[in-house]
Amino acid sequence: MPFLETSPGVKIYYDDIGAGRPLVMLHGWGMSQRVWEFQRELADSCRLVLADLRGHGRSGTSANGFSLDDLAGDLVRLFNHLALQNAYLLGWSLGSLVALAAFPEIRERLAGLILVGATPRFTATDGYPHGLPAKEPRGIGLRLRRVLPMDVRAR
């Protein structure tokens, strides 16, 4: 299994399959790169890079948790580690936020940026009333931990 250590003790799991122009796909919150299983056949026509974001799937996290900046930094390190150039980057939901946060660092290495289900915030605040109440993501997280098999939850 390929892992990239992005900071002491934090390993990011990724798959790098196929050949040609890279397509990097980032999953949403509470998911893993396994959400892209049906797209794996794209590796027949491109270099497909699927990563588990920090704290998701088979990737680890630090004792202090993680921030959007941590996730974006991990993506930049993955681009560097795999020497990705002329790549397409697809982000879904949280993956979109990560892609946008990393964009200033990797923009010269991108052929295109694809955002699916992107939103500027998941939760509502005084200046942004369009998100969910702050308690909702915590509840979703608890429900996910109850229903996901242990091997999916293992970090």
N, C-alpha and C. Protein backbone atom coordinates (compact mmCIF):
# COMPACT_ATOMS: atom_id res chain seq x y z
N MET A 1 0.83 -1.18 0.00
CA MET A 1 0.00 0.00 0.00
C MET A 1 0.88 1.24 0.00
N PRO A 2 0.64 2.16 -0.91
CA PRO A 2 1.46 3.37 -0.94
C PRO A 2 0.97 4.41 0.07
N PHE A 3 1.90 4.88 0.88
CA PHE A 3 1.63 5.94 1.84
C PHE A 3 2.67 7.03 1.66
N LEU A 4 2.25 8.25 1.91
CA LEU A 4 3.14 9.40 1.91
C LEU A 4 3.10 9.99 3.31
N GLU A 5 4.26 10.11 3.96
CA GLU A 5 4.30 10.74 5.29
C GLU A 5 4.42 12.24 5.08
N THR A 6 3.38 12.98 5.50
CA THR A 6 3.36 14.42 5.26
C THR A 6 3.83 15.23 6.45
N SER A 7 3.75 14.68 7.62
CA SER A 7 4.30 15.30 8.82
C SER A 7 4.59 14.15 9.77
N PRO A 8 5.39 14.37 10.78
CA PRO A 8 5.75 13.25 11.66
C PRO A 8 4.53 12.47 12.14
N GLY A 9 4.49 11.21 11.77
CA GLY A 9 3.42 10.34 12.24
C GLY A 9 2.14 10.38 11.44
N VAL A 10 2.03 11.26 10.45
CA VAL A 10 0.81 11.35 9.64
C VAL A 10 1.09 10.79 8.26
N LYS A 11 0.44 9.67 7.96
CA LYS A 11 0.63 9.03 6.66
C LYS A 11 -0.64 9.15 5.85
N ILE A 12 -0.47 9.55 4.59
CA ILE A 12 -1.58 9.73 3.67
C ILE A 12 -1.56 8.55 2.69
N TYR A 13 -2.68 7.83 2.63
CA TYR A 13 -2.80 6.70 1.71
C TYR A 13 -3.24 7.20 0.34
N TYR A 14 -2.66 6.61 -0.71
CA TYR A 14 -3.07 6.97 -2.07
C TYR A 14 -2.88 5.78 -3.00
N ASP A 15 -3.61 5.78 -4.10
CA ASP A 15 -3.41 4.86 -5.22
C ASP A 15 -2.97 5.68 -6.41
N ASP A 16 -2.02 5.19 -7.17
CA ASP A 16 -1.50 5.84 -8.37
C ASP A 16 -1.47 4.76 -9.45
N ILE A 17 -2.47 4.78 -10.33
CA ILE A 17 -2.61 3.71 -11.32
C ILE A 17 -2.78 4.29 -12.72
N GLY A 18 -2.39 3.53 -13.72
CA GLY A 18 -2.53 3.96 -15.09
C GLY A 18 -1.37 4.83 -15.53
N ALA A 19 -1.49 5.36 -16.75
CA ALA A 19 -0.44 6.19 -17.32
C ALA A 19 -1.08 7.29 -18.16
N GLY A 20 -0.32 8.33 -18.39
CA GLY A 20 -0.80 9.45 -19.18
C GLY A 20 -0.99 10.68 -18.33
N ARG A 21 -1.84 11.59 -18.79
CA ARG A 21 -2.10 12.81 -18.04
C ARG A 21 -2.76 12.47 -16.71
N PRO A 22 -2.27 13.04 -15.61
CA PRO A 22 -2.83 12.72 -14.29
C PRO A 22 -4.23 13.32 -14.07
N LEU A 23 -5.06 12.54 -13.43
CA LEU A 23 -6.35 12.98 -12.91
C LEU A 23 -6.35 12.65 -11.42
N VAL A 24 -6.33 13.67 -10.59
CA VAL A 24 -6.33 13.51 -9.14
C VAL A 24 -7.76 13.73 -8.65
N MET A 25 -8.29 12.76 -7.90
CA MET A 25 -9.68 12.85 -7.43
C MET A 25 -9.70 12.86 -5.90
N LEU A 26 -10.34 13.91 -5.34
CA LEU A 26 -10.44 14.07 -3.89
C LEU A 26 -11.88 13.87 -3.45
N HIS A 27 -12.07 13.05 -2.46
CA HIS A 27 -13.40 12.71 -1.94
C HIS A 27 -13.94 13.78 -1.00
N GLY A 28 -15.17 13.59 -0.58
CA GLY A 28 -15.83 14.49 0.36
C GLY A 28 -15.63 14.07 1.81
N TRP A 29 -16.15 14.91 2.70
CA TRP A 29 -16.04 14.70 4.14
C TRP A 29 -16.71 13.39 4.55
N GLY A 30 -16.04 12.68 5.44
CA GLY A 30 -16.58 11.43 5.96
C GLY A 30 -16.48 10.26 5.00
N MET A 31 -15.86 10.46 3.85
CA MET A 31 -15.71 9.42 2.83
C MET A 31 -14.24 9.02 2.74
N SER A 32 -13.92 8.28 1.70
CA SER A 32 -12.54 7.91 1.40
C SER A 32 -12.41 7.79 -0.11
N GLN A 33 -11.22 7.49 -0.58
CA GLN A 33 -11.03 7.36 -2.01
C GLN A 33 -11.84 6.20 -2.58
N ARG A 34 -12.35 5.33 -1.72
CA ARG A 34 -13.19 4.21 -2.19
C ARG A 34 -14.47 4.70 -2.86
N VAL A 35 -14.86 5.95 -2.61
CA VAL A 35 -16.05 6.50 -3.25
C VAL A 35 -15.88 6.56 -4.77
N TRP A 36 -14.64 6.51 -5.23
CA TRP A 36 -14.35 6.59 -6.67
C TRP A 36 -14.19 5.21 -7.31
N GLU A 37 -14.56 4.14 -6.64
CA GLU A 37 -14.38 2.78 -7.18
C GLU A 37 -14.88 2.63 -8.61
N PHE A 38 -16.03 3.20 -8.92
CA PHE A 38 -16.59 3.03 -10.27
C PHE A 38 -15.84 3.84 -11.32
N GLN A 39 -14.96 4.74 -10.90
CA GLN A 39 -14.19 5.53 -11.84
C GLN A 39 -12.79 4.95 -12.07
N ARG A 40 -12.46 3.86 -11.40
CA ARG A 40 -11.11 3.29 -11.53
C ARG A 40 -10.78 2.89 -12.97
N GLU A 41 -11.79 2.60 -13.76
CA GLU A 41 -11.52 2.23 -15.15
C GLU A 41 -10.94 3.40 -15.95
N LEU A 42 -11.02 4.61 -15.41
CA LEU A 42 -10.38 5.75 -16.07
C LEU A 42 -8.87 5.55 -16.19
N ALA A 43 -8.30 4.68 -15.35
CA ALA A 43 -6.87 4.40 -15.40
C ALA A 43 -6.48 3.74 -16.73
N ASP A 44 -7.46 3.30 -17.51
CA ASP A 44 -7.16 2.78 -18.85
C ASP A 44 -6.76 3.89 -19.81
N SER A 45 -7.13 5.14 -19.49
CA SER A 45 -6.86 6.24 -20.40
C SER A 45 -6.11 7.41 -19.77
N CYS A 46 -5.77 7.32 -18.49
CA CYS A 46 -5.02 8.39 -17.84
C CYS A 46 -4.32 7.84 -16.60
N ARG A 47 -3.50 8.66 -15.99
CA ARG A 47 -2.87 8.32 -14.71
C ARG A 47 -3.85 8.78 -13.64
N LEU A 48 -4.40 7.85 -12.91
CA LEU A 48 -5.43 8.14 -11.91
C LEU A 48 -4.82 8.12 -10.52
N VAL A 49 -4.96 9.22 -9.81
CA VAL A 49 -4.44 9.34 -8.44
C VAL A 49 -5.63 9.55 -7.52
N LEU A 50 -5.81 8.60 -6.60
CA LEU A 50 -6.91 8.65 -5.63
C LEU A 50 -6.29 8.65 -4.24
N ALA A 51 -6.60 9.65 -3.44
CA ALA A 51 -6.00 9.76 -2.12
C ALA A 51 -7.08 9.80 -1.05
N ASP A 52 -6.76 9.24 0.11
CA ASP A 52 -7.60 9.41 1.29
C ASP A 52 -7.11 10.68 1.99
N LEU A 53 -7.99 11.64 2.15
CA LEU A 53 -7.62 12.85 2.88
C LEU A 53 -7.24 12.51 4.32
N ARG A 54 -6.44 13.34 4.91
CA ARG A 54 -6.03 13.17 6.30
C ARG A 54 -7.26 12.96 7.18
N GLY A 55 -7.20 11.95 8.05
CA GLY A 55 -8.30 11.68 8.97
C GLY A 55 -9.45 10.92 8.32
N HIS A 56 -9.28 10.46 7.10
CA HIS A 56 -10.31 9.73 6.36
C HIS A 56 -9.73 8.43 5.82
N GLY A 57 -10.58 7.43 5.64
CA GLY A 57 -10.14 6.18 5.03
C GLY A 57 -8.94 5.59 5.74
N ARG A 58 -7.89 5.28 4.98
CA ARG A 58 -6.69 4.65 5.53
C ARG A 58 -5.61 5.66 5.90
N SER A 59 -5.89 6.95 5.78
CA SER A 59 -4.92 7.97 6.15
C SER A 59 -5.03 8.29 7.63
N GLY A 60 -3.93 8.68 8.20
CA GLY A 60 -3.89 9.01 9.61
C GLY A 60 -4.17 10.48 9.86
N THR A 61 -4.07 10.86 11.11
CA THR A 61 -4.19 12.25 11.51
C THR A 61 -3.34 12.46 12.75
N SER A 62 -3.13 13.69 13.14
CA SER A 62 -2.35 13.98 14.34
C SER A 62 -3.27 13.99 15.55
N ALA A 63 -2.68 13.97 16.72
CA ALA A 63 -3.46 13.96 17.96
C ALA A 63 -4.31 15.23 18.08
N ASN A 64 -3.89 16.30 17.43
CA ASN A 64 -4.62 17.57 17.50
C ASN A 64 -5.68 17.70 16.41
N GLY A 65 -5.92 16.65 15.65
CA GLY A 65 -6.87 16.74 14.55
C GLY A 65 -6.21 17.37 13.34
N PHE A 66 -7.00 18.09 12.54
CA PHE A 66 -6.44 18.68 11.33
C PHE A 66 -7.29 19.86 10.91
N SER A 67 -6.70 20.68 10.05
CA SER A 67 -7.37 21.87 9.53
C SER A 67 -7.40 21.80 8.00
N LEU A 68 -8.11 22.72 7.39
CA LEU A 68 -8.12 22.81 5.93
C LEU A 68 -6.71 23.06 5.42
N ASP A 69 -5.94 23.86 6.12
CA ASP A 69 -4.55 24.12 5.72
C ASP A 69 -3.73 22.83 5.73
N ASP A 70 -3.96 21.96 6.73
CA ASP A 70 -3.26 20.68 6.77
C ASP A 70 -3.61 19.83 5.54
N LEU A 71 -4.90 19.77 5.21
CA LEU A 71 -5.35 18.98 4.07
C LEU A 71 -4.75 19.53 2.77
N ALA A 72 -4.75 20.85 2.62
CA ALA A 72 -4.18 21.47 1.42
C ALA A 72 -2.67 21.20 1.35
N GLY A 73 -1.99 21.30 2.48
CA GLY A 73 -0.55 21.00 2.51
C GLY A 73 -0.26 19.56 2.12
N ASP A 74 -1.11 18.64 2.57
CA ASP A 74 -0.95 17.24 2.19
C ASP A 74 -1.08 17.07 0.68
N LEU A 75 -2.03 17.78 0.08
CA LEU A 75 -2.22 17.69 -1.37
C LEU A 75 -1.01 18.23 -2.11
N VAL A 76 -0.48 19.34 -1.66
CA VAL A 76 0.73 19.91 -2.28
C VAL A 76 1.88 18.91 -2.18
N ARG A 77 2.05 18.29 -1.01
CA ARG A 77 3.12 17.31 -0.83
C ARG A 77 2.91 16.10 -1.74
N LEU A 78 1.66 15.68 -1.92
CA LEU A 78 1.37 14.57 -2.82
C LEU A 78 1.74 14.93 -4.25
N PHE A 79 1.38 16.14 -4.68
CA PHE A 79 1.76 16.60 -6.03
C PHE A 79 3.29 16.58 -6.17
N ASN A 80 4.01 17.05 -5.15
CA ASN A 80 5.46 17.05 -5.20
C ASN A 80 6.02 15.64 -5.22
N HIS A 81 5.52 14.80 -4.34
CA HIS A 81 6.00 13.42 -4.21
C HIS A 81 5.83 12.64 -5.51
N LEU A 82 4.71 12.82 -6.18
CA LEU A 82 4.42 12.09 -7.42
C LEU A 82 4.87 12.86 -8.66
N ALA A 83 5.47 14.04 -8.47
CA ALA A 83 5.94 14.89 -9.57
C ALA A 83 4.83 15.12 -10.60
N LEU A 84 3.65 15.46 -10.12
CA LEU A 84 2.50 15.65 -11.01
C LEU A 84 2.61 16.98 -11.75
N GLN A 85 2.41 16.91 -13.05
CA GLN A 85 2.42 18.08 -13.93
C GLN A 85 1.26 17.96 -14.91
N ASN A 86 0.73 19.09 -15.36
CA ASN A 86 -0.32 19.09 -16.37
C ASN A 86 -1.50 18.20 -15.95
N ALA A 87 -1.83 18.26 -14.68
CA ALA A 87 -2.84 17.38 -14.09
C ALA A 87 -4.21 18.04 -14.05
N TYR A 88 -5.21 17.19 -14.10
CA TYR A 88 -6.57 17.62 -13.79
C TYR A 88 -6.81 17.29 -12.33
N LEU A 89 -7.43 18.20 -11.60
CA LEU A 89 -7.73 18.00 -10.19
C LEU A 89 -9.23 18.10 -10.01
N LEU A 90 -9.83 17.02 -9.52
CA LEU A 90 -11.27 16.99 -9.27
C LEU A 90 -11.50 16.88 -7.77
N GLY A 91 -12.27 17.83 -7.23
CA GLY A 91 -12.62 17.80 -5.82
C GLY A 91 -14.13 17.76 -5.66
N TRP A 92 -14.58 16.88 -4.79
CA TRP A 92 -16.01 16.76 -4.49
C TRP A 92 -16.23 17.19 -3.05
N SER A 93 -17.12 18.13 -2.81
CA SER A 93 -17.49 18.59 -1.48
C SER A 93 -16.25 19.06 -0.73
N LEU A 94 -15.87 18.41 0.38
CA LEU A 94 -14.66 18.80 1.10
C LEU A 94 -13.46 18.77 0.17
N GLY A 95 -13.42 17.81 -0.74
CA GLY A 95 -12.32 17.75 -1.70
C GLY A 95 -12.21 19.03 -2.52
N SER A 96 -13.35 19.68 -2.80
CA SER A 96 -13.34 20.96 -3.50
C SER A 96 -12.68 22.04 -2.67
N LEU A 97 -13.00 22.08 -1.39
CA LEU A 97 -12.38 23.07 -0.50
C LEU A 97 -10.87 22.86 -0.43
N VAL A 98 -10.45 21.59 -0.35
CA VAL A 98 -9.02 21.27 -0.30
C VAL A 98 -8.35 21.72 -1.60
N ALA A 99 -8.98 21.40 -2.73
CA ALA A 99 -8.43 21.79 -4.03
C ALA A 99 -8.27 23.32 -4.12
N LEU A 100 -9.28 24.05 -3.69
CA LEU A 100 -9.21 25.51 -3.73
C LEU A 100 -8.15 26.06 -2.79
N ALA A 101 -8.01 25.45 -1.61
CA ALA A 101 -7.01 25.91 -0.65
C ALA A 101 -5.59 25.64 -1.16
N ALA A 102 -5.40 24.54 -1.88
CA ALA A 102 -4.07 24.20 -2.41
C ALA A 102 -3.77 24.90 -3.73
N PHE A 103 -4.79 25.42 -4.39
CA PHE A 103 -4.65 25.99 -5.73
C PHE A 103 -3.50 26.97 -5.88
N PRO A 104 -3.32 27.93 -4.97
CA PRO A 104 -2.21 28.88 -5.15
C PRO A 104 -0.84 28.20 -5.26
N GLU A 105 -0.67 27.06 -4.59
CA GLU A 105 0.62 26.35 -4.59
C GLU A 105 0.80 25.45 -5.81
N ILE A 106 -0.29 24.97 -6.39
CA ILE A 106 -0.17 23.97 -7.47
C ILE A 106 -0.71 24.47 -8.81
N ARG A 107 -1.16 25.69 -8.88
CA ARG A 107 -1.84 26.19 -10.10
C ARG A 107 -1.03 26.00 -11.36
N GLU A 108 0.28 26.17 -11.30
CA GLU A 108 1.13 26.03 -12.49
C GLU A 108 1.24 24.57 -12.93
N ARG A 109 0.83 23.65 -12.09
CA ARG A 109 0.94 22.23 -12.40
C ARG A 109 -0.39 21.64 -12.87
N LEU A 110 -1.41 22.49 -12.97
CA LEU A 110 -2.75 22.03 -13.32
C LEU A 110 -3.10 22.34 -14.77
N ALA A 111 -3.76 21.36 -15.41
CA ALA A 111 -4.36 21.58 -16.73
C ALA A 111 -5.81 21.99 -16.57
N GLY A 112 -6.40 21.62 -15.44
CA GLY A 112 -7.80 21.97 -15.19
C GLY A 112 -8.20 21.66 -13.76
N LEU A 113 -9.22 22.36 -13.30
CA LEU A 113 -9.75 22.19 -11.95
C LEU A 113 -11.24 21.93 -12.08
N ILE A 114 -11.71 20.83 -11.49
CA ILE A 114 -13.11 20.44 -11.56
C ILE A 114 -13.65 20.40 -10.13
N LEU A 115 -14.71 21.17 -9.86
CA LEU A 115 -15.31 21.22 -8.53
C LEU A 115 -16.73 20.66 -8.61
N VAL A 116 -17.01 19.67 -7.77
CA VAL A 116 -18.33 19.02 -7.75
C VAL A 116 -18.92 19.21 -6.36
N GLY A 117 -20.11 19.78 -6.30
CA GLY A 117 -20.75 19.98 -5.00
C GLY A 117 -19.95 20.87 -4.08
N ALA A 118 -19.30 21.86 -4.67
CA ALA A 118 -18.46 22.77 -3.87
C ALA A 118 -19.33 23.76 -3.11
N THR A 119 -18.90 24.08 -1.92
CA THR A 119 -19.57 25.07 -1.10
C THR A 119 -18.50 25.81 -0.30
N PRO A 120 -18.66 27.09 -0.05
CA PRO A 120 -17.63 27.81 0.69
C PRO A 120 -17.56 27.44 2.17
N ARG A 121 -18.65 26.92 2.72
CA ARG A 121 -18.69 26.50 4.12
C ARG A 121 -19.72 25.39 4.27
N PHE A 122 -19.45 24.48 5.19
CA PHE A 122 -20.40 23.41 5.46
C PHE A 122 -21.42 23.84 6.51
N THR A 123 -20.97 24.70 7.43
CA THR A 123 -21.84 25.13 8.53
C THR A 123 -22.16 26.61 8.43
N ALA A 124 -23.29 26.98 8.99
CA ALA A 124 -23.73 28.38 9.02
C ALA A 124 -22.95 29.17 10.07
N THR A 125 -22.75 30.46 9.78
CA THR A 125 -22.16 31.39 10.74
C THR A 125 -22.96 32.68 10.64
N ASP A 126 -22.60 33.66 11.45
CA ASP A 126 -23.30 34.94 11.40
C ASP A 126 -23.24 35.55 10.01
N GLY A 127 -22.10 35.46 9.34
CA GLY A 127 -21.96 36.04 8.02
C GLY A 127 -22.32 35.10 6.88
N TYR A 128 -22.63 33.85 7.19
CA TYR A 128 -22.96 32.87 6.16
C TYR A 128 -24.09 31.97 6.66
N PRO A 129 -25.33 32.36 6.42
CA PRO A 129 -26.47 31.60 6.97
C PRO A 129 -26.89 30.40 6.12
N HIS A 130 -26.16 30.10 5.04
CA HIS A 130 -26.59 29.09 4.08
C HIS A 130 -26.19 27.65 4.44
N GLY A 131 -25.33 27.46 5.42
CA GLY A 131 -24.87 26.13 5.79
C GLY A 131 -25.76 25.47 6.82
N LEU A 132 -25.33 24.27 7.22
CA LEU A 132 -26.04 23.53 8.26
C LEU A 132 -25.73 24.11 9.63
N PRO A 133 -26.62 23.89 10.61
CA PRO A 133 -26.28 24.28 11.98
C PRO A 133 -25.01 23.54 12.42
N ALA A 134 -24.20 24.16 13.26
CA ALA A 134 -22.90 23.60 13.66
C ALA A 134 -23.02 22.21 14.27
N LYS A 135 -24.15 21.90 14.91
CA LYS A 135 -24.29 20.58 15.55
C LYS A 135 -24.48 19.46 14.52
N GLU A 136 -24.93 19.79 13.32
CA GLU A 136 -25.22 18.77 12.30
C GLU A 136 -23.99 17.94 11.90
N PRO A 137 -22.85 18.55 11.58
CA PRO A 137 -21.69 17.73 11.21
C PRO A 137 -21.25 16.78 12.32
N ARG A 138 -21.36 17.22 13.57
CA ARG A 138 -21.01 16.33 14.69
C ARG A 138 -21.93 15.11 14.70
N GLY A 139 -23.23 15.34 14.50
CA GLY A 139 -24.19 14.24 14.47
C GLY A 139 -23.96 13.30 13.30
N ILE A 140 -23.64 13.88 12.14
CA ILE A 140 -23.34 13.05 10.97
C ILE A 140 -22.11 12.19 11.25
N GLY A 141 -21.09 12.79 11.85
CA GLY A 141 -19.88 12.04 12.20
C GLY A 141 -20.16 10.89 13.14
N LEU A 142 -20.98 11.12 14.14
CA LEU A 142 -21.34 10.05 15.08
C LEU A 142 -22.09 8.93 14.37
N ARG A 143 -23.03 9.30 13.49
CA ARG A 143 -23.78 8.28 12.75
C ARG A 143 -22.86 7.47 11.83
N LEU A 144 -21.91 8.13 11.18
CA LEU A 144 -20.97 7.43 10.31
C LEU A 144 -20.14 6.43 11.11
N ARG A 145 -19.67 6.82 12.28
CA ARG A 145 -18.87 5.91 13.10
C ARG A 145 -19.68 4.69 13.53
N ARG A 146 -20.98 4.86 13.72
CA ARG A 146 -21.82 3.73 14.12
C ARG A 146 -22.07 2.75 12.99
N VAL A 147 -22.19 3.24 11.76
CA VAL A 147 -22.59 2.37 10.66
C VAL A 147 -21.43 1.88 9.79
N LEU A 148 -20.27 2.53 9.82
CA LEU A 148 -19.17 2.10 8.98
C LEU A 148 -18.46 0.90 9.59
N PRO A 149 -18.04 -0.08 8.77
CA PRO A 149 -17.28 -1.21 9.30
C PRO A 149 -15.95 -0.73 9.87
N MET A 150 -15.39 -1.49 10.80
CA MET A 150 -14.14 -1.11 11.46
C MET A 150 -13.01 -0.88 10.49
N ASP A 151 -12.87 -1.69 9.44
CA ASP A 151 -11.73 -1.52 8.52
C ASP A 151 -11.79 -0.19 7.79
N VAL A 152 -12.98 0.36 7.58
CA VAL A 152 -13.13 1.67 6.94
C VAL A 152 -12.77 2.77 7.93
N ARG A 153 -13.13 2.57 9.21
CA ARG A 153 -12.86 3.58 10.23
C ARG A 153 -11.41 3.61 10.66
N ALA A 154 -10.66 2.53 10.46
CA ALA A 154 -9.28 2.47 10.93
C ALA A 154 -8.45 3.54 10.25
N ARG A 155 -7.68 4.22 11.03
CA ARG A 155 -6.80 5.26 10.50
C ARG A 155 -5.39 4.85 10.78
